[in-house]
Amino acid sequence: MRMTVLGALTLLSTLASTAAAEEAGGGGNILTPRGGLMVWTLLIFALLYFVLRRYAFPPITAAVEAREKALEEAIEGAKRDRDEAARLLAEQRRQIEAARTEAQRFIAEGRAAGEKMRADMLEDTRRQQQELLERARRDIDAERERAIADLRREAVDLAIAGAGKVIEKNLDDQSNRRLVESFLASLTPGTVKS
């Protein structure tokens, strides 16, 4: 069918050009209106318009509409993608803010734990210091008691030596020692001044 239409159009254009050539045979101005040429031109135009409208315009229009639809879908897709990107960006920002908040909380907890550990260490140090002081006092008291015992022994030895010199006679050491120790034991702690 298309071949028939194209053949008819070719024939009409040939006829129109022949008619135009016959009319132009007299040679005239190109701007001068010629009735036969106008009729053939209008007839060819109408026929060509009919053929184009029937066979060419629908596919061209469909292609243009399909292209418009594809562009609209692409624009809508881009809008959806932009909205999705904005949503994801907002979600990422929210997650970052949550991570910052959690990090701040961890830092605060770490500081609190550090302060508690510091306070515990200070308390342990104070307790150990108190224990050391008490142990030092006990050691000092024990050393004082040993020193007093040593002084008593020396005093007994000196007293025996002094008494031996006074009497000029040396009694045996064991009996002298027992005698002085029993004398010292008979004394009350308040009567002896240290």
C-alpha atoms as a PDB file:
ATOM      1  CA  MET A   1       0.000   0.000   0.000  1.00  0.00           C
ATOM      2  CA  ARG A   2       2.811   2.340   0.816  1.00  0.00           C
ATOM      3  CA  MET A   3       4.407   1.695  -2.522  1.00  0.00           C
ATOM      4  CA  THR A   4       1.187   2.582  -4.297  1.00  0.00           C
ATOM      5  CA  VAL A   5       0.889   5.817  -2.374  1.00  0.00           C
ATOM      6  CA  LEU A   6       4.513   6.699  -3.046  1.00  0.00           C
ATOM      7  CA  GLY A   7       4.083   5.884  -6.747  1.00  0.00           C
ATOM      8  CA  ALA A   8       0.979   8.091  -6.936  1.00  0.00           C
ATOM      9  CA  LEU A   9       2.807  10.935  -5.252  1.00  0.00           C
ATOM     10  CA  THR A  10       5.701  10.630  -7.670  1.00  0.00           C
ATOM     11  CA  LEU A  11       3.306  10.665 -10.606  1.00  0.00           C
ATOM     12  CA  LEU A  12       1.504  13.744  -9.283  1.00  0.00           C
ATOM     13  CA  SER A  13       4.735  15.601  -8.696  1.00  0.00           C
ATOM     14  CA  THR A  14       5.846  14.782 -12.241  1.00  0.00           C
ATOM     15  CA  LEU A  15       2.551  16.049 -13.632  1.00  0.00           C
ATOM     16  CA  ALA A  16       2.793  19.197 -11.573  1.00  0.00           C
ATOM     17  CA  SER A  17       6.294  19.899 -12.723  1.00  0.00           C
ATOM     18  CA  THR A  18       5.263  19.289 -16.371  1.00  0.00           C
ATOM     19  CA  ALA A  19       2.304  21.654 -16.010  1.00  0.00           C
ATOM     20  CA  ALA A  20       4.506  24.224 -14.416  1.00  0.00           C
ATOM     21  CA  ALA A  21       7.009  23.917 -17.214  1.00  0.00           C
ATOM     22  CA  GLU A  22       4.304  24.391 -19.852  1.00  0.00           C
ATOM     23  CA  GLU A  23       2.925  27.416 -18.131  1.00  0.00           C
ATOM     24  CA  ALA A  24       6.367  28.827 -17.546  1.00  0.00           C
ATOM     25  CA  GLY A  25       7.164  28.336 -21.186  1.00  0.00           C
ATOM     26  CA  GLY A  26       6.351  31.932 -21.847  1.00  0.00           C
ATOM     27  CA  GLY A  27       9.017  32.848 -19.297  1.00  0.00           C
ATOM     28  CA  GLY A  28       7.759  35.210 -16.801  1.00  0.00           C
ATOM     29  CA  ASN A  29       8.323  36.520 -13.437  1.00  0.00           C
ATOM     30  CA  ILE A  30       8.637  33.957 -10.676  1.00  0.00           C
ATOM     31  CA  LEU A  31       6.410  36.042  -8.446  1.00  0.00           C
ATOM     32  CA  THR A  32       3.572  36.194 -10.918  1.00  0.00           C
ATOM     33  CA  PRO A  33       0.661  33.975  -9.832  1.00  0.00           C
ATOM     34  CA  ARG A  34      -0.231  31.163 -12.242  1.00  0.00           C
ATOM     35  CA  GLY A  35      -3.550  29.395 -11.691  1.00  0.00           C
ATOM     36  CA  GLY A  36      -2.639  25.912 -12.953  1.00  0.00           C
ATOM     37  CA  LEU A  37       0.518  25.728 -10.884  1.00  0.00           C
ATOM     38  CA  MET A  38      -1.382  26.817  -7.783  1.00  0.00           C
ATOM     39  CA  VAL A  39      -4.055  24.179  -8.219  1.00  0.00           C
ATOM     40  CA  TRP A  40      -1.545  21.422  -8.726  1.00  0.00           C
ATOM     41  CA  THR A  41       0.537  22.608  -5.785  1.00  0.00           C
ATOM     42  CA  LEU A  42      -2.513  22.692  -3.521  1.00  0.00           C
ATOM     43  CA  LEU A  43      -3.658  19.297  -4.747  1.00  0.00           C
ATOM     44  CA  ILE A  44      -0.226  17.734  -4.173  1.00  0.00           C
ATOM     45  CA  PHE A  45      -0.005  19.423  -0.768  1.00  0.00           C
ATOM     46  CA  ALA A  46      -3.436  18.101   0.289  1.00  0.00           C
ATOM     47  CA  LEU A  47      -2.626  14.603  -0.962  1.00  0.00           C
ATOM     48  CA  LEU A  48       0.783  14.640   0.725  1.00  0.00           C
ATOM     49  CA  TYR A  49      -0.800  15.941   3.935  1.00  0.00           C
ATOM     50  CA  PHE A  50      -3.388  13.147   3.824  1.00  0.00           C
ATOM     51  CA  VAL A  51      -0.717  10.476   3.293  1.00  0.00           C
ATOM     52  CA  LEU A  52       1.538  11.893   5.990  1.00  0.00           C
ATOM     53  CA  ARG A  53      -1.379  12.220   8.362  1.00  0.00           C
ATOM     54  CA  ARG A  54      -2.500   8.678   7.719  1.00  0.00           C
ATOM     55  CA  TYR A  55       0.879   6.899   7.715  1.00  0.00           C
ATOM     56  CA  ALA A  56       3.672   9.112   9.068  1.00  0.00           C
ATOM     57  CA  PHE A  57       2.204  11.328  11.757  1.00  0.00           C
ATOM     58  CA  PRO A  58       0.836   8.562  14.033  1.00  0.00           C
ATOM     59  CA  PRO A  59       4.225   6.838  14.484  1.00  0.00           C
ATOM     60  CA  ILE A  60       5.975  10.208  14.846  1.00  0.00           C
ATOM     61  CA  THR A  61       3.374  11.380  17.365  1.00  0.00           C
ATOM     62  CA  ALA A  62       3.603   8.066  19.220  1.00  0.00           C
ATOM     63  CA  ALA A  63       7.402   8.350  19.308  1.00  0.00           C
ATOM     64  CA  VAL A  64       7.202  11.940  20.588  1.00  0.00           C
ATOM     65  CA  GLU A  65       4.614  10.949  23.216  1.00  0.00           C
ATOM     66  CA  ALA A  66       6.737   7.950  24.234  1.00  0.00           C
ATOM     67  CA  ARG A  67       9.749  10.244  24.516  1.00  0.00           C
ATOM     68  CA  GLU A  68       7.728  12.730  26.600  1.00  0.00           C
ATOM     69  CA  LYS A  69       6.505   9.912  28.805  1.00  0.00           C
ATOM     70  CA  ALA A  70      10.057   8.577  29.213  1.00  0.00           C
ATOM     71  CA  LEU A  71      11.284  12.079  30.098  1.00  0.00           C
ATOM     72  CA  GLU A  72       8.455  12.548  32.610  1.00  0.00           C
ATOM     73  CA  GLU A  73       9.234   9.156  34.135  1.00  0.00           C
ATOM     74  CA  ALA A  74      12.921  10.081  34.273  1.00  0.00           C
ATOM     75  CA  ILE A  75      12.041  13.382  35.972  1.00  0.00           C
ATOM     76  CA  GLU A  76       9.759  11.575  38.411  1.00  0.00           C
ATOM     77  CA  GLY A  77      12.468   8.985  39.015  1.00  0.00           C
ATOM     78  CA  ALA A  78      14.974  11.768  39.635  1.00  0.00           C
ATOM     79  CA  LYS A  79      12.530  13.412  42.066  1.00  0.00           C
ATOM     80  CA  ARG A  80      12.043  10.083  43.852  1.00  0.00           C
ATOM     81  CA  ASP A  81      15.793   9.515  43.936  1.00  0.00           C
ATOM     82  CA  ARG A  82      16.342  13.037  45.269  1.00  0.00           C
ATOM     83  CA  ASP A  83      13.664  12.511  47.932  1.00  0.00           C
ATOM     84  CA  GLU A  84      15.183   9.141  48.820  1.00  0.00           C
ATOM     85  CA  ALA A  85      18.638  10.714  49.000  1.00  0.00           C
ATOM     86  CA  ALA A  86      17.289  13.482  51.237  1.00  0.00           C
ATOM     87  CA  ARG A  87      15.632  10.858  53.448  1.00  0.00           C
ATOM     88  CA  LEU A  88      18.842   8.816  53.619  1.00  0.00           C
ATOM     89  CA  LEU A  89      20.839  11.965  54.354  1.00  0.00           C
ATOM     90  CA  ALA A  90      18.462  12.870  57.181  1.00  0.00           C
ATOM     91  CA  GLU A  91      18.704   9.311  58.507  1.00  0.00           C
ATOM     92  CA  GLN A  92      22.507   9.416  58.309  1.00  0.00           C
ATOM     93  CA  ARG A  93      22.548  12.738  60.130  1.00  0.00           C
ATOM     94  CA  ARG A  94      20.254  11.313  62.792  1.00  0.00           C
ATOM     95  CA  GLN A  95      22.524   8.271  63.153  1.00  0.00           C
ATOM     96  CA  ILE A  96      25.590  10.503  63.370  1.00  0.00           C
ATOM     97  CA  GLU A  97      23.883  12.599  66.044  1.00  0.00           C
ATOM     98  CA  ALA A  98      22.920   9.424  67.920  1.00  0.00           C
ATOM     99  CA  ALA A  99      26.530   8.212  67.663  1.00  0.00           C
ATOM    100  CA  ARG A 100      27.762  11.566  68.983  1.00  0.00           C
ATOM    101  CA  THR A 101      25.300  11.392  71.863  1.00  0.00           C
ATOM    102  CA  GLU A 102      26.387   7.846  72.644  1.00  0.00           C
ATOM    103  CA  ALA A 103      30.047   8.843  72.446  1.00  0.00           C
ATOM    104  CA  GLN A 104      29.392  11.730  74.840  1.00  0.00           C
ATOM    105  CA  ARG A 105      27.624   9.306  77.168  1.00  0.00           C
ATOM    106  CA  PHE A 106      30.582   6.902  76.993  1.00  0.00           C
ATOM    107  CA  ILE A 107      32.957   9.763  77.718  1.00  0.00           C
ATOM    108  CA  ALA A 108      30.841  10.872  80.684  1.00  0.00           C
ATOM    109  CA  GLU A 109      30.649   7.298  81.977  1.00  0.00           C
ATOM    110  CA  GLY A 110      34.412   6.951  81.519  1.00  0.00           C
ATOM    111  CA  ARG A 111      35.022  10.145  83.447  1.00  0.00           C
ATOM    112  CA  ALA A 112      32.661   9.030  86.214  1.00  0.00           C
ATOM    113  CA  ALA A 113      34.373   5.630  86.365  1.00  0.00           C
ATOM    114  CA  GLY A 114      37.764   7.375  86.436  1.00  0.00           C
ATOM    115  CA  GLU A 115      36.655   9.661  89.250  1.00  0.00           C
ATOM    116  CA  LYS A 116      35.257   6.691  91.182  1.00  0.00           C
ATOM    117  CA  MET A 117      38.471   4.760  90.642  1.00  0.00           C
ATOM    118  CA  ARG A 118      40.484   7.785  91.765  1.00  0.00           C
ATOM    119  CA  ALA A 119      38.336   8.142  94.906  1.00  0.00           C
ATOM    120  CA  ASP A 120      38.681   4.400  95.609  1.00  0.00           C
ATOM    121  CA  MET A 121      42.438   4.594  95.140  1.00  0.00           C
ATOM    122  CA  LEU A 122      42.622   7.603  97.468  1.00  0.00           C
ATOM    123  CA  GLU A 123      40.554   5.747 100.052  1.00  0.00           C
ATOM    124  CA  ASP A 124      42.780   2.661  99.722  1.00  0.00           C
ATOM    125  CA  THR A 125      45.855   4.857 100.075  1.00  0.00           C
ATOM    126  CA  ARG A 126      44.437   6.508 103.197  1.00  0.00           C
ATOM    127  CA  ARG A 127      43.544   3.123 104.658  1.00  0.00           C
ATOM    128  CA  GLN A 128      47.008   1.741 103.887  1.00  0.00           C
ATOM    129  CA  GLN A 129      48.567   4.873 105.364  1.00  0.00           C
ATOM    130  CA  GLN A 130      46.484   4.424 108.535  1.00  0.00           C
ATOM    131  CA  GLU A 131      47.504   0.754 108.730  1.00  0.00           C
ATOM    132  CA  LEU A 132      51.156   1.735 108.292  1.00  0.00           C
ATOM    133  CA  LEU A 133      50.818   4.345 111.033  1.00  0.00           C
ATOM    134  CA  GLU A 134      49.206   1.826 113.387  1.00  0.00           C
ATOM    135  CA  ARG A 135      51.836  -0.784 112.563  1.00  0.00           C
ATOM    136  CA  ALA A 136      54.558   1.828 113.148  1.00  0.00           C
ATOM    137  CA  ARG A 137      52.973   2.705 116.519  1.00  0.00           C
ATOM    138  CA  ARG A 138      52.848  -0.975 117.463  1.00  0.00           C
ATOM    139  CA  ASP A 139      56.455  -1.409 116.351  1.00  0.00           C
ATOM    140  CA  ILE A 140      57.445   1.680 118.329  1.00  0.00           C
ATOM    141  CA  ASP A 141      55.585   0.372 121.401  1.00  0.00           C
ATOM    142  CA  ALA A 142      57.244  -3.036 121.009  1.00  0.00           C
ATOM    143  CA  GLU A 143      60.655  -1.412 120.594  1.00  0.00           C
ATOM    144  CA  ARG A 144      59.996   0.752 123.640  1.00  0.00           C
ATOM    145  CA  GLU A 145      59.034  -2.350 125.647  1.00  0.00           C
ATOM    146  CA  ARG A 146      62.200  -4.124 124.453  1.00  0.00           C
ATOM    147  CA  ALA A 147      64.247  -1.048 125.259  1.00  0.00           C
ATOM    148  CA  ILE A 148      62.708  -0.903 128.738  1.00  0.00           C
ATOM    149  CA  ALA A 149      63.384  -4.623 129.209  1.00  0.00           C
ATOM    150  CA  ASP A 150      66.957  -4.110 128.008  1.00  0.00           C
ATOM    151  CA  LEU A 151      67.346  -1.143 130.352  1.00  0.00           C
ATOM    152  CA  ARG A 152      66.006  -3.228 133.244  1.00  0.00           C
ATOM    153  CA  ARG A 153      68.433  -6.006 132.467  1.00  0.00           C
ATOM    154  CA  GLU A 154      71.264  -3.533 132.276  1.00  0.00           C
ATOM    155  CA  ALA A 155      70.046  -1.897 135.467  1.00  0.00           C
ATOM    156  CA  VAL A 156      69.988  -5.330 137.145  1.00  0.00           C
ATOM    157  CA  ASP A 157      73.456  -6.096 135.822  1.00  0.00           C
ATOM    158  CA  LEU A 158      74.712  -2.684 136.967  1.00  0.00           C
ATOM    159  CA  ALA A 159      73.014  -3.063 140.335  1.00  0.00           C
ATOM    160  CA  ILE A 160      74.526  -6.495 140.805  1.00  0.00           C
ATOM    161  CA  ALA A 161      77.919  -5.249 139.722  1.00  0.00           C
ATOM    162  CA  GLY A 162      77.570  -2.225 142.002  1.00  0.00           C
ATOM    163  CA  ALA A 163      76.351  -4.361 144.898  1.00  0.00           C
ATOM    164  CA  GLY A 164      79.148  -6.822 144.301  1.00  0.00           C
ATOM    165  CA  LYS A 165      81.652  -4.031 144.525  1.00  0.00           C
ATOM    166  CA  VAL A 166      80.001  -2.684 147.622  1.00  0.00           C
ATOM    167  CA  ILE A 167      79.957  -6.023 149.349  1.00  0.00           C
ATOM    168  CA  GLU A 168      83.215  -6.994 147.823  1.00  0.00           C
ATOM    169  CA  LYS A 169      81.961 -10.329 147.499  1.00  0.00           C
ATOM    170  CA  ASN A 170      80.508 -11.775 144.425  1.00  0.00           C
ATOM    171  CA  LEU A 171      77.530 -13.894 144.923  1.00  0.00           C
ATOM    172  CA  ASP A 172      76.594 -16.245 142.178  1.00  0.00           C
ATOM    173  CA  ASP A 173      74.966 -14.650 139.182  1.00  0.00           C
ATOM    174  CA  GLN A 174      71.805 -16.705 139.164  1.00  0.00           C
ATOM    175  CA  SER A 175      70.820 -16.061 142.737  1.00  0.00           C
ATOM    176  CA  ASN A 176      71.658 -12.358 142.404  1.00  0.00           C
ATOM    177  CA  ARG A 177      69.567 -12.073 139.310  1.00  0.00           C
ATOM    178  CA  ARG A 178      66.588 -13.776 140.947  1.00  0.00           C
ATOM    179  CA  LEU A 179      66.865 -11.500 143.940  1.00  0.00           C
ATOM    180  CA  VAL A 180      66.875  -8.288 141.840  1.00  0.00           C
ATOM    181  CA  GLU A 181      64.103  -9.501 139.538  1.00  0.00           C
ATOM    182  CA  SER A 182      61.881 -10.345 142.498  1.00  0.00           C
ATOM    183  CA  PHE A 183      62.558  -6.901 143.917  1.00  0.00           C
ATOM    184  CA  LEU A 184      61.695  -5.223 140.613  1.00  0.00           C
ATOM    185  CA  ALA A 185      58.578  -7.330 140.249  1.00  0.00           C
ATOM    186  CA  SER A 186      57.441  -6.270 143.719  1.00  0.00           C
ATOM    187  CA  LEU A 187      57.596  -2.647 142.651  1.00  0.00           C
ATOM    188  CA  THR A 188      54.424  -1.300 141.053  1.00  0.00           C
ATOM    189  CA  PRO A 189      54.777   0.332 137.634  1.00  0.00           C
ATOM    190  CA  GLY A 190      53.630   3.698 138.998  1.00  0.00           C
ATOM    191  CA  THR A 191      56.442   3.835 141.625  1.00  0.00           C
ATOM    192  CA  VAL A 192      59.255   3.545 139.084  1.00  0.00           C
ATOM    193  CA  LYS A 193      59.892   6.619 136.945  1.00  0.00           C
ATOM    194  CA  SER A 194      61.164   5.934 133.501  1.00  0.00           C
END
